[in-house]
Amino acid sequence: MTRDEIKAVVQRTLGSIAPEADLSQIEPDVALRDQLDIDSMDFLNFAIGLHKELNVEIPEASYPELATLNGCIAYLTSALDAAVEAKEGVTAQS
C-alpha cells in the first residue's frame, strides 16, 4: 500500500470521526486532536477505525505516534510493511 493510499485511509477515517472538518486543511505535522478539536474518545475511535480499515494492530502504547497526519502515515506504513514481511516469512518457511 502506498503512502498516498494510507493517507487517503487516514483522512477517510478522520472524516468519519470529525465530519465537519475540512480535511484538506490539515497541517501534516500539527497534532490532529488540536486541529480537529477531537477528544480522547474520538481519538480512540479513530485508532479503532484505522485498525478496521487496514487490519493492523495498533497498541495503545503506539497512539502517540498517530498524533499527526505524518506520524500516522509513517506508523501505518511501517506496521503494514512489517505485516507483509511477517506473512512472507511464514509463507517462505512453509
Protein backbone atom coordinates (compact mmCIF):
# COMPACT_ATOMS: atom_id res chain seq x y z
CA MET A 1 0.00 0.00 0.00
CA THR A 2 1.41 3.39 -0.97
CA ARG A 3 1.77 6.40 1.31
CA ASP A 4 -0.94 8.17 -0.69
CA GLU A 5 -3.32 5.24 -0.19
CA ILE A 6 -2.57 5.21 3.53
CA LYS A 7 -3.12 8.98 3.69
CA ALA A 8 -6.49 8.52 2.00
CA VAL A 9 -7.49 5.88 4.58
CA VAL A 10 -6.38 8.16 7.43
CA GLN A 11 -8.35 11.08 6.00
CA ARG A 12 -11.44 8.93 5.39
CA THR A 13 -11.26 7.61 8.94
CA LEU A 14 -10.82 11.12 10.33
CA GLY A 15 -13.80 12.23 8.26
CA SER A 16 -15.97 9.64 9.95
CA ILE A 17 -14.85 10.91 13.37
CA ALA A 18 -14.99 14.64 12.57
CA PRO A 19 -17.37 15.02 9.62
CA GLU A 20 -17.44 18.81 9.91
CA ALA A 21 -13.66 19.09 9.48
CA ASP A 22 -12.06 20.37 6.29
CA LEU A 23 -9.54 17.57 5.88
CA SER A 24 -7.78 19.34 3.02
CA GLN A 25 -6.59 21.95 5.53
CA ILE A 26 -4.89 19.53 7.92
CA GLU A 27 -1.31 20.53 8.68
CA PRO A 28 0.75 17.31 8.40
CA ASP A 29 2.96 17.97 11.45
CA VAL A 30 0.42 19.53 13.83
CA ALA A 31 -1.48 17.40 16.34
CA LEU A 32 -4.72 16.11 14.87
CA ARG A 33 -6.56 16.48 18.17
CA ASP A 34 -5.74 20.19 18.24
CA GLN A 35 -6.65 20.78 14.61
CA LEU A 36 -9.89 18.85 14.66
CA ASP A 37 -10.91 19.55 18.25
CA ILE A 38 -11.48 15.87 18.98
CA ASP A 39 -11.44 14.37 22.45
CA SER A 40 -9.76 11.21 23.70
CA MET A 41 -12.79 9.05 22.92
CA ASP A 42 -12.86 10.36 19.34
CA PHE A 43 -9.15 9.60 19.05
CA LEU A 44 -9.74 6.07 20.35
CA ASN A 45 -12.47 5.63 17.73
CA PHE A 46 -10.01 6.93 15.12
CA ALA A 47 -7.42 4.30 16.12
CA ILE A 48 -10.09 1.59 16.07
CA GLY A 49 -11.23 2.78 12.65
CA LEU A 50 -7.68 2.56 11.31
CA HIS A 51 -7.39 -0.96 12.71
CA LYS A 52 -10.61 -1.99 10.99
CA GLU A 53 -9.72 -0.35 7.67
CA LEU A 54 -6.16 -1.64 7.47
CA ASN A 55 -6.30 -4.78 9.62
CA VAL A 56 -3.22 -3.67 11.52
CA GLU A 57 -2.76 -3.89 15.28
CA ILE A 58 -2.26 -0.52 16.96
CA PRO A 59 -1.35 -0.99 20.61
CA GLU A 60 -2.30 1.80 22.98
CA ALA A 61 1.38 2.48 23.61
CA SER A 62 1.68 3.48 19.93
CA TYR A 63 -1.14 6.05 19.99
CA PRO A 64 1.29 8.97 20.41
CA GLU A 65 2.79 8.04 17.04
CA LEU A 66 -0.63 8.71 15.48
CA ALA A 67 -0.75 12.26 16.82
CA THR A 68 -0.11 13.95 13.46
CA LEU A 69 -1.00 13.12 9.87
CA ASN A 70 2.64 12.46 9.01
CA GLY A 71 3.01 10.39 12.17
CA CYS A 72 0.00 8.28 11.19
CA ILE A 73 1.34 7.70 7.70
CA ALA A 74 4.81 6.77 8.97
CA TYR A 75 3.49 4.44 11.68
CA LEU A 76 0.99 2.71 9.42
CA THR A 77 3.48 2.36 6.56
CA SER A 78 5.92 0.68 8.92
CA ALA A 79 3.25 -1.54 10.50
CA LEU A 80 1.89 -2.64 7.13
CA ASP A 81 5.39 -3.32 5.80
CA ALA A 82 6.16 -5.42 8.89
CA ALA A 83 2.92 -7.37 8.44
CA VAL A 84 3.79 -8.13 4.81
CA GLU A 85 7.32 -9.21 5.78
CA ALA A 86 5.97 -11.44 8.53
CA LYS A 87 3.47 -13.02 6.16
CA GLU A 88 6.15 -13.58 3.53
CA GLY A 89 8.42 -15.12 6.16
CA VAL A 90 5.71 -17.57 7.21
CA THR A 91 5.00 -18.44 3.59
CA ALA A 92 8.71 -18.99 2.85
CA GLN A 93 9.01 -21.32 5.86
CA SER A 94 6.04 -23.44 4.81
